[in-house]
Amino acid sequence: MKKIVSFDLDGTLVNGVFGDMVWNVGIPEEYAKRYPLSFDEAKQFIISEYNTIGDENILWYTIDYWLKRFDIPVSSDMLLERYVDYIELFPDTEEVLGRLKERFTLIIASNAARIFVEKEILHTGIARYFTHIISATTDYNLVKKQETFYQRLCKTLDIQPHQIIHIGDHPIYDFYVPSRFGIESYFIMSDGKDIPPILSSNQEFLERHTIRNLKELLTKI
């Protein structure tokens, strides 16, 4: 029997605009102020630097690391606070959470650093739906690409993999990895998102576990 439903946060419950503004507007703007560059030049440089690390490395998610690396004299909290008005729930988020909370324990399991997660939870007011809010990178020092993360998650919750359902928008971190570990997982497929070759080999399984929006989840579980 399923006991817990786990949600990714960005791209699943809230849109990804807040994070995009911080990483791809706020930091380049601050860098352009500090050095004699246009915004476009600064952004190109900043993104190239992000890519030297990549999203499989925990430093990718650590904003204080990047502010120090670029010698930007702005606190991470101040930078994030500048863009909180861009945080927005998807239209069906609260309806789905409200209906699922009647049947399951709900948690958040995000790759985002806790400083981002807390801003988003506070701004949207959805903390009341969840018993646990977990940042993989801050709380476990892991990225969700590793089965170790889901092992730790199950240990924290004192459950077995077959007792949890996970939903997210990353085809590997939120779908392939937890599915391989034995967690019933659903992939939120947005328009234009590429399917990694590793998932294409089992098209029937992928189709059964792919949803286009959160409300569709209610027909699956």
N, C-alpha and C. Protein backbone atom coordinates (compact mmCIF):
# COMPACT_ATOMS: atom_id res chain seq x y z
N MET A 1 0.84 -1.21 0.00
CA MET A 1 0.00 0.00 0.00
C MET A 1 0.87 1.26 0.00
N LYS A 2 0.56 2.19 -0.89
CA LYS A 2 1.32 3.43 -0.96
C LYS A 2 0.96 4.33 0.22
N LYS A 3 1.96 4.91 0.83
CA LYS A 3 1.75 5.79 1.97
C LYS A 3 2.08 7.24 1.68
N ILE A 4 3.10 7.45 0.85
CA ILE A 4 3.68 8.79 0.70
C ILE A 4 3.76 9.17 -0.78
N VAL A 5 3.44 10.42 -1.07
CA VAL A 5 3.64 10.97 -2.41
C VAL A 5 4.68 12.08 -2.29
N SER A 6 5.73 11.94 -3.09
CA SER A 6 6.87 12.86 -3.07
C SER A 6 6.86 13.70 -4.34
N PHE A 7 7.04 15.00 -4.19
CA PHE A 7 7.06 15.91 -5.33
C PHE A 7 8.40 16.62 -5.45
N ASP A 8 8.89 16.69 -6.67
CA ASP A 8 9.91 17.68 -6.99
C ASP A 8 9.24 19.05 -6.84
N LEU A 9 10.01 20.13 -6.86
CA LEU A 9 9.44 21.46 -6.67
C LEU A 9 9.44 22.28 -7.96
N ASP A 10 10.62 22.68 -8.41
CA ASP A 10 10.70 23.53 -9.61
C ASP A 10 10.33 22.73 -10.86
N GLY A 11 9.40 23.29 -11.63
CA GLY A 11 8.96 22.62 -12.84
C GLY A 11 7.90 21.56 -12.58
N THR A 12 7.57 21.36 -11.29
CA THR A 12 6.56 20.37 -10.92
C THR A 12 5.40 21.03 -10.18
N LEU A 13 5.70 21.70 -9.08
CA LEU A 13 4.68 22.44 -8.33
C LEU A 13 4.70 23.93 -8.65
N VAL A 14 5.89 24.47 -8.86
CA VAL A 14 6.04 25.88 -9.24
C VAL A 14 6.77 25.95 -10.58
N ASN A 15 6.54 27.06 -11.29
CA ASN A 15 7.29 27.21 -12.54
C ASN A 15 8.75 27.49 -12.24
N GLY A 16 9.59 27.42 -13.26
CA GLY A 16 11.02 27.57 -13.03
C GLY A 16 11.54 28.98 -13.22
N VAL A 17 10.65 29.96 -13.26
CA VAL A 17 11.07 31.32 -13.60
C VAL A 17 11.95 31.93 -12.50
N PHE A 18 11.59 31.69 -11.25
CA PHE A 18 12.36 32.25 -10.13
C PHE A 18 13.83 31.85 -10.22
N GLY A 19 14.08 30.57 -10.32
CA GLY A 19 15.46 30.10 -10.41
C GLY A 19 16.16 30.64 -11.63
N ASP A 20 15.46 30.68 -12.74
CA ASP A 20 16.05 31.20 -13.97
C ASP A 20 16.45 32.67 -13.81
N MET A 21 15.61 33.44 -13.14
CA MET A 21 15.93 34.86 -12.94
C MET A 21 17.15 35.04 -12.05
N VAL A 22 17.25 34.24 -11.00
CA VAL A 22 18.40 34.35 -10.11
C VAL A 22 19.69 33.98 -10.83
N TRP A 23 19.69 32.79 -11.48
CA TRP A 23 20.91 32.27 -12.07
C TRP A 23 21.29 32.96 -13.37
N ASN A 24 20.31 33.28 -14.21
CA ASN A 24 20.60 33.74 -15.57
C ASN A 24 20.34 35.21 -15.80
N VAL A 25 19.83 35.90 -14.78
CA VAL A 25 19.67 37.36 -14.87
C VAL A 25 20.40 38.03 -13.71
N GLY A 26 20.07 37.64 -12.49
CA GLY A 26 20.63 38.31 -11.32
C GLY A 26 22.15 38.23 -11.24
N ILE A 27 22.69 37.02 -11.36
CA ILE A 27 24.14 36.87 -11.27
C ILE A 27 24.85 37.55 -12.44
N PRO A 28 24.40 37.37 -13.68
CA PRO A 28 25.05 38.10 -14.78
C PRO A 28 24.97 39.63 -14.63
N GLU A 29 23.83 40.12 -14.15
CA GLU A 29 23.72 41.58 -13.94
C GLU A 29 24.75 42.06 -12.92
N GLU A 30 24.88 41.33 -11.83
CA GLU A 30 25.85 41.73 -10.81
C GLU A 30 27.28 41.62 -11.35
N TYR A 31 27.54 40.61 -12.15
CA TYR A 31 28.87 40.45 -12.73
C TYR A 31 29.18 41.58 -13.69
N ALA A 32 28.18 41.98 -14.49
CA ALA A 32 28.37 43.07 -15.45
C ALA A 32 28.62 44.40 -14.75
N LYS A 33 28.02 44.57 -13.56
CA LYS A 33 28.26 45.80 -12.79
C LYS A 33 29.70 45.84 -12.28
N ARG A 34 30.20 44.68 -11.89
CA ARG A 34 31.52 44.61 -11.25
C ARG A 34 32.66 44.68 -12.25
N TYR A 35 32.41 44.19 -13.45
CA TYR A 35 33.46 44.15 -14.47
C TYR A 35 32.96 44.88 -15.73
N PRO A 36 33.86 45.38 -16.55
CA PRO A 36 33.46 46.19 -17.71
C PRO A 36 32.91 45.33 -18.85
N LEU A 37 31.70 44.80 -18.63
CA LEU A 37 31.07 43.95 -19.63
C LEU A 37 29.62 44.36 -19.82
N SER A 38 29.09 44.09 -21.01
CA SER A 38 27.66 44.24 -21.21
C SER A 38 26.94 43.07 -20.53
N PHE A 39 25.62 43.21 -20.36
CA PHE A 39 24.87 42.10 -19.76
C PHE A 39 25.01 40.84 -20.60
N ASP A 40 24.89 40.97 -21.91
CA ASP A 40 24.98 39.79 -22.79
C ASP A 40 26.34 39.11 -22.68
N GLU A 41 27.39 39.91 -22.62
CA GLU A 41 28.73 39.33 -22.46
C GLU A 41 28.88 38.63 -21.12
N ALA A 42 28.35 39.28 -20.08
CA ALA A 42 28.43 38.68 -18.74
C ALA A 42 27.63 37.38 -18.69
N LYS A 43 26.43 37.38 -19.27
CA LYS A 43 25.60 36.18 -19.25
C LYS A 43 26.27 35.03 -19.99
N GLN A 44 26.84 35.33 -21.14
CA GLN A 44 27.53 34.29 -21.91
C GLN A 44 28.67 33.68 -21.10
N PHE A 45 29.43 34.53 -20.44
CA PHE A 45 30.54 34.05 -19.63
C PHE A 45 30.04 33.22 -18.44
N ILE A 46 29.03 33.74 -17.74
CA ILE A 46 28.51 33.05 -16.55
C ILE A 46 27.98 31.67 -16.91
N ILE A 47 27.22 31.58 -17.98
CA ILE A 47 26.65 30.28 -18.37
C ILE A 47 27.76 29.31 -18.78
N SER A 48 28.77 29.82 -19.45
CA SER A 48 29.89 28.94 -19.81
C SER A 48 30.59 28.42 -18.56
N GLU A 49 30.65 29.24 -17.52
CA GLU A 49 31.25 28.81 -16.25
C GLU A 49 30.37 27.77 -15.55
N TYR A 50 29.05 28.00 -15.56
CA TYR A 50 28.15 26.99 -15.01
C TYR A 50 28.40 25.64 -15.68
N ASN A 51 28.55 25.66 -16.98
CA ASN A 51 28.67 24.42 -17.75
C ASN A 51 29.98 23.68 -17.50
N THR A 52 30.98 24.38 -16.97
CA THR A 52 32.22 23.68 -16.61
C THR A 52 32.00 22.76 -15.41
N ILE A 53 30.94 23.05 -14.64
CA ILE A 53 30.61 22.24 -13.46
C ILE A 53 29.56 21.18 -13.82
N GLY A 54 28.44 21.63 -14.42
CA GLY A 54 27.38 20.71 -14.81
C GLY A 54 26.45 20.34 -13.66
N ASP A 55 25.21 19.96 -14.00
CA ASP A 55 24.19 19.76 -12.97
C ASP A 55 24.29 18.42 -12.24
N GLU A 56 25.32 17.63 -12.54
CA GLU A 56 25.54 16.42 -11.76
C GLU A 56 26.46 16.68 -10.57
N ASN A 57 27.01 17.88 -10.52
CA ASN A 57 27.92 18.28 -9.44
C ASN A 57 27.16 19.14 -8.43
N ILE A 58 27.31 18.85 -7.17
CA ILE A 58 26.56 19.58 -6.15
C ILE A 58 26.86 21.08 -6.14
N LEU A 59 28.05 21.46 -6.60
CA LEU A 59 28.39 22.89 -6.64
C LEU A 59 27.49 23.67 -7.59
N TRP A 60 26.95 22.99 -8.58
CA TRP A 60 26.02 23.63 -9.53
C TRP A 60 24.88 24.32 -8.77
N TYR A 61 24.45 23.73 -7.66
CA TYR A 61 23.27 24.19 -6.93
C TYR A 61 23.62 25.14 -5.77
N THR A 62 24.92 25.40 -5.58
CA THR A 62 25.38 26.12 -4.39
C THR A 62 25.66 27.57 -4.74
N ILE A 63 24.68 28.44 -4.50
CA ILE A 63 24.79 29.82 -4.97
C ILE A 63 25.94 30.57 -4.29
N ASP A 64 26.23 30.29 -3.03
CA ASP A 64 27.34 30.99 -2.37
C ASP A 64 28.68 30.63 -3.01
N TYR A 65 28.80 29.42 -3.52
CA TYR A 65 30.01 29.04 -4.25
C TYR A 65 30.20 29.94 -5.47
N TRP A 66 29.12 30.17 -6.21
CA TRP A 66 29.23 30.96 -7.44
C TRP A 66 29.46 32.44 -7.14
N LEU A 67 28.80 32.97 -6.12
CA LEU A 67 29.03 34.37 -5.76
C LEU A 67 30.48 34.60 -5.35
N LYS A 68 31.04 33.63 -4.63
CA LYS A 68 32.44 33.74 -4.25
C LYS A 68 33.35 33.57 -5.46
N ARG A 69 33.04 32.61 -6.31
CA ARG A 69 33.86 32.36 -7.49
C ARG A 69 33.92 33.59 -8.41
N PHE A 70 32.79 34.29 -8.54
CA PHE A 70 32.73 35.46 -9.40
C PHE A 70 33.05 36.75 -8.66
N ASP A 71 33.34 36.64 -7.36
CA ASP A 71 33.67 37.80 -6.53
C ASP A 71 32.57 38.86 -6.60
N ILE A 72 31.34 38.41 -6.42
CA ILE A 72 30.18 39.30 -6.45
C ILE A 72 29.80 39.66 -5.02
N PRO A 73 29.85 40.95 -4.67
CA PRO A 73 29.65 41.36 -3.27
C PRO A 73 28.17 41.55 -2.90
N VAL A 74 27.35 40.53 -3.17
CA VAL A 74 25.92 40.55 -2.83
C VAL A 74 25.62 39.25 -2.09
N SER A 75 24.84 39.32 -1.02
CA SER A 75 24.49 38.10 -0.30
C SER A 75 23.49 37.28 -1.10
N SER A 76 23.53 35.97 -0.92
CA SER A 76 22.60 35.10 -1.64
C SER A 76 21.16 35.42 -1.26
N ASP A 77 20.91 35.69 0.02
CA ASP A 77 19.55 36.00 0.44
C ASP A 77 19.03 37.27 -0.23
N MET A 78 19.87 38.28 -0.31
CA MET A 78 19.47 39.53 -0.94
C MET A 78 19.17 39.32 -2.43
N LEU A 79 20.00 38.52 -3.08
CA LEU A 79 19.81 38.27 -4.51
C LEU A 79 18.51 37.50 -4.75
N LEU A 80 18.24 36.47 -3.96
CA LEU A 80 17.01 35.71 -4.14
C LEU A 80 15.78 36.55 -3.83
N GLU A 81 15.87 37.35 -2.80
CA GLU A 81 14.72 38.16 -2.40
C GLU A 81 14.30 39.13 -3.52
N ARG A 82 15.25 39.52 -4.32
CA ARG A 82 14.99 40.44 -5.43
C ARG A 82 13.99 39.86 -6.43
N TYR A 83 13.91 38.53 -6.51
CA TYR A 83 13.12 37.90 -7.58
C TYR A 83 11.96 37.05 -7.06
N VAL A 84 11.59 37.18 -5.78
CA VAL A 84 10.54 36.32 -5.24
C VAL A 84 9.19 36.53 -5.91
N ASP A 85 8.96 37.70 -6.48
CA ASP A 85 7.67 37.93 -7.15
C ASP A 85 7.51 37.08 -8.41
N TYR A 86 8.58 36.47 -8.86
CA TYR A 86 8.49 35.59 -10.04
C TYR A 86 8.08 34.16 -9.64
N ILE A 87 8.02 33.87 -8.37
CA ILE A 87 7.61 32.53 -7.91
C ILE A 87 6.11 32.39 -8.14
N GLU A 88 5.73 31.33 -8.83
CA GLU A 88 4.31 31.14 -9.14
C GLU A 88 3.98 29.64 -9.21
N LEU A 89 2.92 29.27 -8.52
CA LEU A 89 2.43 27.90 -8.59
C LEU A 89 1.83 27.62 -9.97
N PHE A 90 1.91 26.38 -10.40
CA PHE A 90 1.15 25.99 -11.58
C PHE A 90 -0.34 26.02 -11.22
N PRO A 91 -1.22 26.26 -12.19
CA PRO A 91 -2.64 26.49 -11.89
C PRO A 91 -3.33 25.38 -11.11
N ASP A 92 -2.93 24.12 -11.32
CA ASP A 92 -3.63 23.02 -10.65
C ASP A 92 -2.92 22.50 -9.42
N THR A 93 -1.84 23.17 -8.99
CA THR A 93 -1.05 22.66 -7.88
C THR A 93 -1.85 22.49 -6.59
N GLU A 94 -2.52 23.54 -6.16
CA GLU A 94 -3.19 23.46 -4.85
C GLU A 94 -4.39 22.51 -4.89
N GLU A 95 -5.10 22.45 -5.99
CA GLU A 95 -6.21 21.51 -6.08
C GLU A 95 -5.70 20.07 -5.95
N VAL A 96 -4.62 19.75 -6.66
CA VAL A 96 -4.08 18.39 -6.63
C VAL A 96 -3.53 18.07 -5.26
N LEU A 97 -2.78 18.99 -4.66
CA LEU A 97 -2.24 18.75 -3.32
C LEU A 97 -3.36 18.54 -2.30
N GLY A 98 -4.40 19.34 -2.39
CA GLY A 98 -5.51 19.22 -1.46
C GLY A 98 -6.20 17.86 -1.56
N ARG A 99 -6.39 17.39 -2.78
CA ARG A 99 -7.07 16.10 -2.96
C ARG A 99 -6.18 14.93 -2.55
N LEU A 100 -4.89 15.02 -2.86
CA LEU A 100 -3.99 13.92 -2.49
C LEU A 100 -3.73 13.87 -0.99
N LYS A 101 -3.76 15.02 -0.34
CA LYS A 101 -3.50 15.06 1.11
C LYS A 101 -4.58 14.30 1.88
N GLU A 102 -5.75 14.14 1.28
CA GLU A 102 -6.81 13.37 1.94
C GLU A 102 -6.49 11.88 1.97
N ARG A 103 -5.55 11.42 1.10
CA ARG A 103 -5.29 9.98 0.96
C ARG A 103 -3.85 9.59 1.29
N PHE A 104 -2.93 10.56 1.20
CA PHE A 104 -1.51 10.25 1.36
C PHE A 104 -0.83 11.28 2.25
N THR A 105 0.34 10.90 2.75
CA THR A 105 1.27 11.86 3.33
C THR A 105 2.07 12.46 2.17
N LEU A 106 2.20 13.77 2.15
CA LEU A 106 2.88 14.45 1.05
C LEU A 106 4.21 15.03 1.52
N ILE A 107 5.22 14.94 0.65
CA ILE A 107 6.53 15.54 0.94
C ILE A 107 7.06 16.22 -0.31
N ILE A 108 8.05 17.08 -0.12
CA ILE A 108 8.82 17.66 -1.23
C ILE A 108 10.23 17.10 -1.16
N ALA A 109 10.74 16.67 -2.32
CA ALA A 109 12.13 16.21 -2.43
C ALA A 109 12.74 16.91 -3.64
N SER A 110 13.47 17.98 -3.38
CA SER A 110 13.98 18.85 -4.44
C SER A 110 15.50 18.80 -4.52
N ASN A 111 16.01 19.01 -5.73
CA ASN A 111 17.45 19.18 -5.91
C ASN A 111 17.91 20.57 -5.51
N ALA A 112 17.01 21.53 -5.54
CA ALA A 112 17.38 22.92 -5.26
C ALA A 112 17.92 23.08 -3.85
N ALA A 113 18.84 24.00 -3.67
CA ALA A 113 19.36 24.29 -2.34
C ALA A 113 18.24 24.80 -1.44
N ARG A 114 18.38 24.56 -0.15
CA ARG A 114 17.30 24.90 0.79
C ARG A 114 16.95 26.39 0.75
N ILE A 115 17.91 27.25 0.49
CA ILE A 115 17.61 28.68 0.46
C ILE A 115 16.59 29.00 -0.64
N PHE A 116 16.67 28.29 -1.78
CA PHE A 116 15.68 28.46 -2.85
C PHE A 116 14.35 27.85 -2.45
N VAL A 117 14.40 26.64 -1.93
CA VAL A 117 13.18 25.92 -1.56
C VAL A 117 12.38 26.71 -0.54
N GLU A 118 13.04 27.25 0.47
CA GLU A 118 12.34 27.98 1.52
C GLU A 118 11.70 29.26 1.00
N LYS A 119 12.38 29.94 0.09
CA LYS A 119 11.77 31.14 -0.51
C LYS A 119 10.50 30.77 -1.27
N GLU A 120 10.55 29.67 -2.02
CA GLU A 120 9.40 29.27 -2.83
C GLU A 120 8.24 28.79 -1.96
N ILE A 121 8.55 28.04 -0.92
CA ILE A 121 7.51 27.54 -0.03
C ILE A 121 6.85 28.69 0.72
N LEU A 122 7.65 29.61 1.22
CA LEU A 122 7.12 30.76 1.97
C LEU A 122 6.26 31.63 1.08
N HIS A 123 6.73 31.90 -0.13
CA HIS A 123 6.02 32.82 -1.02
C HIS A 123 4.69 32.22 -1.50
N THR A 124 4.64 30.92 -1.70
CA THR A 124 3.42 30.29 -2.22
C THR A 124 2.47 29.84 -1.12
N GLY A 125 2.98 29.69 0.11
CA GLY A 125 2.14 29.29 1.22
C GLY A 125 1.70 27.84 1.19
N ILE A 126 2.49 26.96 0.57
CA ILE A 126 2.06 25.56 0.44
C ILE A 126 2.67 24.63 1.50
N ALA A 127 3.38 25.19 2.46
CA ALA A 127 4.02 24.34 3.48
C ALA A 127 3.00 23.46 4.20
N ARG A 128 1.76 23.93 4.33
CA ARG A 128 0.75 23.20 5.10
C ARG A 128 0.40 21.84 4.51
N TYR A 129 0.75 21.61 3.26
CA TYR A 129 0.41 20.33 2.63
C TYR A 129 1.44 19.23 2.95
N PHE A 130 2.61 19.60 3.46
CA PHE A 130 3.73 18.67 3.50
C PHE A 130 4.21 18.38 4.93
N THR A 131 4.56 17.11 5.16
CA THR A 131 5.15 16.74 6.45
C THR A 131 6.67 16.88 6.44
N HIS A 132 7.29 16.74 5.27
CA HIS A 132 8.74 16.87 5.12
C HIS A 132 9.04 17.69 3.87
N ILE A 133 10.00 18.58 3.98
CA ILE A 133 10.48 19.36 2.84
C ILE A 133 12.00 19.17 2.80
N ILE A 134 12.46 18.42 1.80
CA ILE A 134 13.85 17.97 1.78
C ILE A 134 14.58 18.55 0.58
N SER A 135 15.74 19.12 0.84
CA SER A 135 16.66 19.55 -0.22
C SER A 135 17.76 18.51 -0.32
N ALA A 136 17.81 17.83 -1.46
CA ALA A 136 18.83 16.79 -1.64
C ALA A 136 20.23 17.35 -1.47
N THR A 137 20.46 18.52 -2.06
CA THR A 137 21.81 19.08 -2.07
C THR A 137 22.21 19.67 -0.73
N THR A 138 21.27 20.27 -0.01
CA THR A 138 21.59 20.87 1.29
C THR A 138 21.51 19.84 2.41
N ASP A 139 20.44 19.07 2.46
CA ASP A 139 20.21 18.17 3.59
C ASP A 139 21.02 16.88 3.52
N TYR A 140 21.23 16.36 2.29
CA TYR A 140 21.93 15.08 2.15
C TYR A 140 23.28 15.22 1.45
N ASN A 141 23.58 16.43 0.96
CA ASN A 141 24.81 16.64 0.20
C ASN A 141 24.89 15.69 -1.00
N LEU A 142 23.72 15.48 -1.64
CA LEU A 142 23.61 14.60 -2.78
C LEU A 142 22.80 15.26 -3.87
N VAL A 143 22.97 14.77 -5.10
CA VAL A 143 22.13 15.16 -6.22
C VAL A 143 21.19 13.99 -6.49
N LYS A 144 19.96 14.27 -6.93
CA LYS A 144 18.97 13.20 -7.08
C LYS A 144 19.31 12.20 -8.20
N LYS A 145 20.36 12.45 -8.93
CA LYS A 145 20.77 11.50 -9.97
C LYS A 145 21.25 10.18 -9.37
N GLN A 146 21.53 10.18 -8.08
CA GLN A 146 22.07 9.00 -7.41
C GLN A 146 20.97 8.22 -6.69
N GLU A 147 20.96 6.90 -6.84
CA GLU A 147 20.02 6.09 -6.07
C GLU A 147 20.22 6.29 -4.58
N THR A 148 21.44 6.65 -4.19
CA THR A 148 21.74 6.89 -2.78
C THR A 148 20.79 7.92 -2.18
N PHE A 149 20.42 8.91 -2.98
CA PHE A 149 19.48 9.92 -2.48
C PHE A 149 18.16 9.26 -2.09
N TYR A 150 17.63 8.42 -2.96
CA TYR A 150 16.33 7.80 -2.69
C TYR A 150 16.44 6.77 -1.55
N GLN A 151 17.59 6.17 -1.39
CA GLN A 151 17.82 5.30 -0.23
C GLN A 151 17.74 6.11 1.05
N ARG A 152 18.42 7.26 1.05
CA ARG A 152 18.40 8.14 2.23
C ARG A 152 16.98 8.64 2.51
N LEU A 153 16.27 8.97 1.43
CA LEU A 153 14.91 9.47 1.59
C LEU A 153 14.03 8.42 2.26
N CYS A 154 14.11 7.19 1.78
CA CYS A 154 13.31 6.12 2.39
C CYS A 154 13.70 5.88 3.85
N LYS A 155 14.98 5.98 4.14
CA LYS A 155 15.43 5.81 5.52
C LYS A 155 14.89 6.93 6.41
N THR A 156 14.93 8.16 5.91
CA THR A 156 14.40 9.30 6.66
C THR A 156 12.92 9.10 6.97
N LEU A 157 12.17 8.59 5.99
CA LEU A 157 10.73 8.44 6.13
C LEU A 157 10.34 7.11 6.78
N ASP A 158 11.34 6.22 6.97
CA ASP A 158 11.11 4.90 7.56
C ASP A 158 10.09 4.09 6.75
N ILE A 159 10.33 4.03 5.43
CA ILE A 159 9.45 3.29 4.53
C ILE A 159 10.31 2.50 3.55
N GLN A 160 9.65 1.59 2.83
CA GLN A 160 10.27 0.85 1.75
C GLN A 160 9.98 1.54 0.41
N PRO A 161 10.81 1.32 -0.61
CA PRO A 161 10.59 1.99 -1.90
C PRO A 161 9.19 1.79 -2.49
N HIS A 162 8.60 0.61 -2.28
CA HIS A 162 7.29 0.36 -2.87
C HIS A 162 6.17 1.13 -2.17
N GLN A 163 6.49 1.81 -1.08
CA GLN A 163 5.47 2.56 -0.33
C GLN A 163 5.43 4.04 -0.70
N ILE A 164 6.23 4.45 -1.67
CA ILE A 164 6.31 5.86 -2.03
C ILE A 164 6.10 6.04 -3.54
N ILE A 165 5.51 7.15 -3.89
CA ILE A 165 5.33 7.58 -5.28
C ILE A 165 6.08 8.89 -5.43
N HIS A 166 6.83 9.04 -6.53
CA HIS A 166 7.56 10.29 -6.76
C HIS A 166 7.15 10.89 -8.11
N ILE A 167 7.02 12.22 -8.14
CA ILE A 167 6.63 12.94 -9.35
C ILE A 167 7.59 14.09 -9.58
N GLY A 168 8.07 14.25 -10.80
CA GLY A 168 8.95 15.37 -11.12
C GLY A 168 9.11 15.56 -12.61
N ASP A 169 9.82 16.60 -12.98
CA ASP A 169 9.93 16.96 -14.40
C ASP A 169 11.29 16.63 -15.01
N HIS A 170 12.18 16.01 -14.24
CA HIS A 170 13.48 15.65 -14.80
C HIS A 170 13.44 14.16 -15.16
N PRO A 171 13.66 13.83 -16.44
CA PRO A 171 13.49 12.44 -16.88
C PRO A 171 14.43 11.44 -16.20
N ILE A 172 15.61 11.89 -15.81
CA ILE A 172 16.57 11.00 -15.14
C ILE A 172 16.41 11.07 -13.63
N TYR A 173 16.56 12.27 -13.08
CA TYR A 173 16.59 12.43 -11.62
C TYR A 173 15.25 12.07 -10.96
N ASP A 174 14.15 12.43 -11.63
CA ASP A 174 12.82 12.25 -11.02
C ASP A 174 12.09 11.01 -11.53
N PHE A 175 12.59 10.39 -12.60
CA PHE A 175 11.88 9.24 -13.16
C PHE A 175 12.74 8.00 -13.29
N TYR A 176 13.80 8.07 -14.06
CA TYR A 176 14.61 6.88 -14.32
C TYR A 176 15.26 6.35 -13.04
N VAL A 177 15.91 7.23 -12.29
CA VAL A 177 16.64 6.79 -11.09
C VAL A 177 15.70 6.22 -10.03
N PRO A 178 14.63 6.94 -9.64
CA PRO A 178 13.75 6.34 -8.62
C PRO A 178 13.02 5.09 -9.12
N SER A 179 12.67 5.04 -10.41
CA SER A 179 12.02 3.84 -10.95
C SER A 179 12.94 2.63 -10.84
N ARG A 180 14.21 2.84 -11.15
CA ARG A 180 15.19 1.76 -11.07
C ARG A 180 15.35 1.27 -9.63
N PHE A 181 15.14 2.15 -8.68
CA PHE A 181 15.27 1.82 -7.27
C PHE A 181 14.01 1.14 -6.72
N GLY A 182 12.95 1.10 -7.51
CA GLY A 182 11.72 0.44 -7.08
C GLY A 182 10.62 1.38 -6.63
N ILE A 183 10.78 2.69 -6.87
CA ILE A 183 9.78 3.68 -6.51
C ILE A 183 8.86 3.91 -7.72
N GLU A 184 7.56 3.86 -7.49
CA GLU A 184 6.61 4.20 -8.55
C GLU A 184 6.77 5.69 -8.87
N SER A 185 7.15 6.00 -10.10
CA SER A 185 7.51 7.37 -10.45
C SER A 185 6.75 7.84 -11.69
N TYR A 186 6.49 9.15 -11.71
CA TYR A 186 5.79 9.75 -12.85
C TYR A 186 6.58 10.97 -13.33
N PHE A 187 6.69 11.05 -14.63
CA PHE A 187 7.47 12.10 -15.30
C PHE A 187 6.53 13.12 -15.90
N ILE A 188 6.65 14.37 -15.47
CA ILE A 188 5.86 15.46 -16.05
C ILE A 188 6.56 15.93 -17.32
N MET A 189 5.93 15.67 -18.44
CA MET A 189 6.53 15.94 -19.75
C MET A 189 6.02 17.28 -20.27
N SER A 190 6.90 18.27 -20.33
CA SER A 190 6.53 19.56 -20.88
C SER A 190 6.87 19.60 -22.37
N ASP A 191 6.23 20.51 -23.08
CA ASP A 191 6.45 20.63 -24.52
C ASP A 191 7.91 20.93 -24.81
N GLY A 192 8.45 20.24 -25.80
CA GLY A 192 9.81 20.50 -26.25
C GLY A 192 10.89 19.81 -25.45
N LYS A 193 10.49 19.06 -24.42
CA LYS A 193 11.51 18.38 -23.60
C LYS A 193 11.96 17.10 -24.30
N ASP A 194 13.26 16.91 -24.38
CA ASP A 194 13.82 15.73 -25.03
C ASP A 194 13.77 14.53 -24.09
N ILE A 195 13.56 13.36 -24.66
CA ILE A 195 13.59 12.12 -23.90
C ILE A 195 14.97 11.49 -24.07
N PRO A 196 15.70 11.27 -23.00
CA PRO A 196 17.02 10.63 -23.11
C PRO A 196 16.91 9.24 -23.72
N PRO A 197 17.90 8.84 -24.50
CA PRO A 197 17.87 7.51 -25.13
C PRO A 197 17.67 6.38 -24.14
N ILE A 198 18.17 6.53 -22.93
CA ILE A 198 18.06 5.46 -21.93
C ILE A 198 16.60 5.15 -21.58
N LEU A 199 15.69 6.11 -21.82
CA LEU A 199 14.28 5.90 -21.54
C LEU A 199 13.50 5.42 -22.76
N SER A 200 14.05 5.65 -23.94
CA SER A 200 13.32 5.34 -25.17
C SER A 200 13.20 3.84 -25.41
N SER A 201 14.01 3.04 -24.73
CA SER A 201 14.02 1.60 -24.98
C SER A 201 12.77 0.90 -24.45
N ASN A 202 12.05 1.53 -23.53
CA ASN A 202 10.83 0.95 -22.98
C ASN A 202 9.70 1.95 -23.12
N GLN A 203 9.24 2.11 -24.34
CA GLN A 203 8.28 3.15 -24.66
C GLN A 203 6.94 2.94 -23.94
N GLU A 204 6.52 1.70 -23.81
CA GLU A 204 5.23 1.42 -23.16
C GLU A 204 5.26 1.84 -21.69
N PHE A 205 6.33 1.48 -20.99
CA PHE A 205 6.47 1.87 -19.58
C PHE A 205 6.51 3.39 -19.45
N LEU A 206 7.26 4.04 -20.33
CA LEU A 206 7.37 5.50 -20.29
C LEU A 206 6.02 6.16 -20.49
N GLU A 207 5.25 5.68 -21.44
CA GLU A 207 3.94 6.27 -21.71
C GLU A 207 2.99 6.11 -20.53
N ARG A 208 3.05 4.97 -19.86
CA ARG A 208 2.18 4.74 -18.70
C ARG A 208 2.52 5.65 -17.54
N HIS A 209 3.76 6.10 -17.49
CA HIS A 209 4.22 6.90 -16.34
C HIS A 209 4.55 8.34 -16.72
N THR A 210 4.02 8.79 -17.83
CA THR A 210 4.21 10.18 -18.26
C THR A 210 2.90 10.94 -18.14
N ILE A 211 2.96 12.12 -17.55
CA ILE A 211 1.79 12.99 -17.44
C ILE A 211 2.14 14.36 -18.01
N ARG A 212 1.12 15.07 -18.45
CA ARG A 212 1.34 16.40 -19.04
C ARG A 212 1.15 17.52 -18.04
N ASN A 213 0.46 17.24 -16.95
CA ASN A 213 0.23 18.23 -15.90
C ASN A 213 -0.11 17.50 -14.61
N LEU A 214 -0.11 18.22 -13.52
CA LEU A 214 -0.35 17.59 -12.22
C LEU A 214 -1.74 16.98 -12.11
N LYS A 215 -2.72 17.62 -12.70
CA LYS A 215 -4.09 17.11 -12.57
C LYS A 215 -4.21 15.72 -13.16
N GLU A 216 -3.45 15.44 -14.18
CA GLU A 216 -3.47 14.11 -14.80
C GLU A 216 -2.99 13.04 -13.82
N LEU A 217 -2.20 13.45 -12.83
CA LEU A 217 -1.72 12.51 -11.83
C LEU A 217 -2.87 11.85 -11.08
N LEU A 218 -3.97 12.59 -10.90
CA LEU A 218 -5.11 12.06 -10.16
C LEU A 218 -5.74 10.86 -10.84
N THR A 219 -5.51 10.71 -12.14
CA THR A 219 -6.06 9.55 -12.86
C THR A 219 -5.12 8.36 -12.77
N LYS A 220 -3.91 8.56 -12.23
CA LYS A 220 -2.89 7.51 -12.20
C LYS A 220 -2.76 6.84 -10.83
N ILE A 221 -3.04 7.59 -9.76
CA ILE A 221 -2.81 7.03 -8.42
C ILE A 221 -4.07 7.15 -7.56
